[in-house]
Every structure is written in C-alpha cells, then in structure tokens.
Protein backbone atom coordinates (compact mmCIF):
# COMPACT_ATOMS: atom_id res chain seq x y z
CA UNK A 1 74.37 135.21 131.12
CA UNK A 2 72.06 138.16 131.59
CA UNK A 3 69.91 139.55 128.79
CA UNK A 4 72.13 142.62 128.63
CA UNK A 5 75.20 140.47 128.15
CA UNK A 6 73.54 138.55 125.32
CA UNK A 7 72.55 141.80 123.62
CA UNK A 8 76.06 143.20 123.98
CA UNK A 9 77.60 140.07 122.43
CA UNK A 10 75.03 140.10 119.62
CA UNK A 11 75.67 143.76 118.83
CA UNK A 12 79.42 143.23 118.94
CA UNK A 13 79.23 140.30 116.50
CA UNK A 14 77.00 142.26 114.12
CA UNK A 15 79.33 145.25 114.31
CA UNK A 16 82.35 143.08 113.48
CA UNK A 17 80.50 141.43 110.60
CA UNK A 18 79.46 144.83 109.26
CA UNK A 19 82.77 146.64 109.64
CA UNK A 20 85.20 143.89 108.62
CA UNK A 21 83.96 143.66 104.99
CA UNK A 22 83.55 147.45 104.84
CA UNK A 23 87.19 148.02 105.78
CA UNK A 24 88.32 145.61 103.06
CA UNK A 25 85.96 146.80 100.31
CA UNK A 26 85.74 150.43 101.42
CA UNK A 27 87.37 151.51 98.17
CA UNK A 28 84.29 150.37 96.25
CA UNK A 29 82.19 152.87 98.21
CA UNK A 30 78.89 151.02 98.59
C-alpha cells in the first residue's frame, strides 16, 4: 500500500469511530 492509501484508511477509521458514537448519543449534545 502507498502512504496515501494508509492515510486514507486511517482517516476513514477515525471518522467512523468518531461519528458512530455521536450518532447514537447525539441527544446528549456533548
């Protein structure tokens, strides 16, 4: 894999980790 590919996968995983809990607990309004 190229460096760009690794960065893209890393960013995607972080985005999923960040948004998945936010969608579930969005009502709490952190």
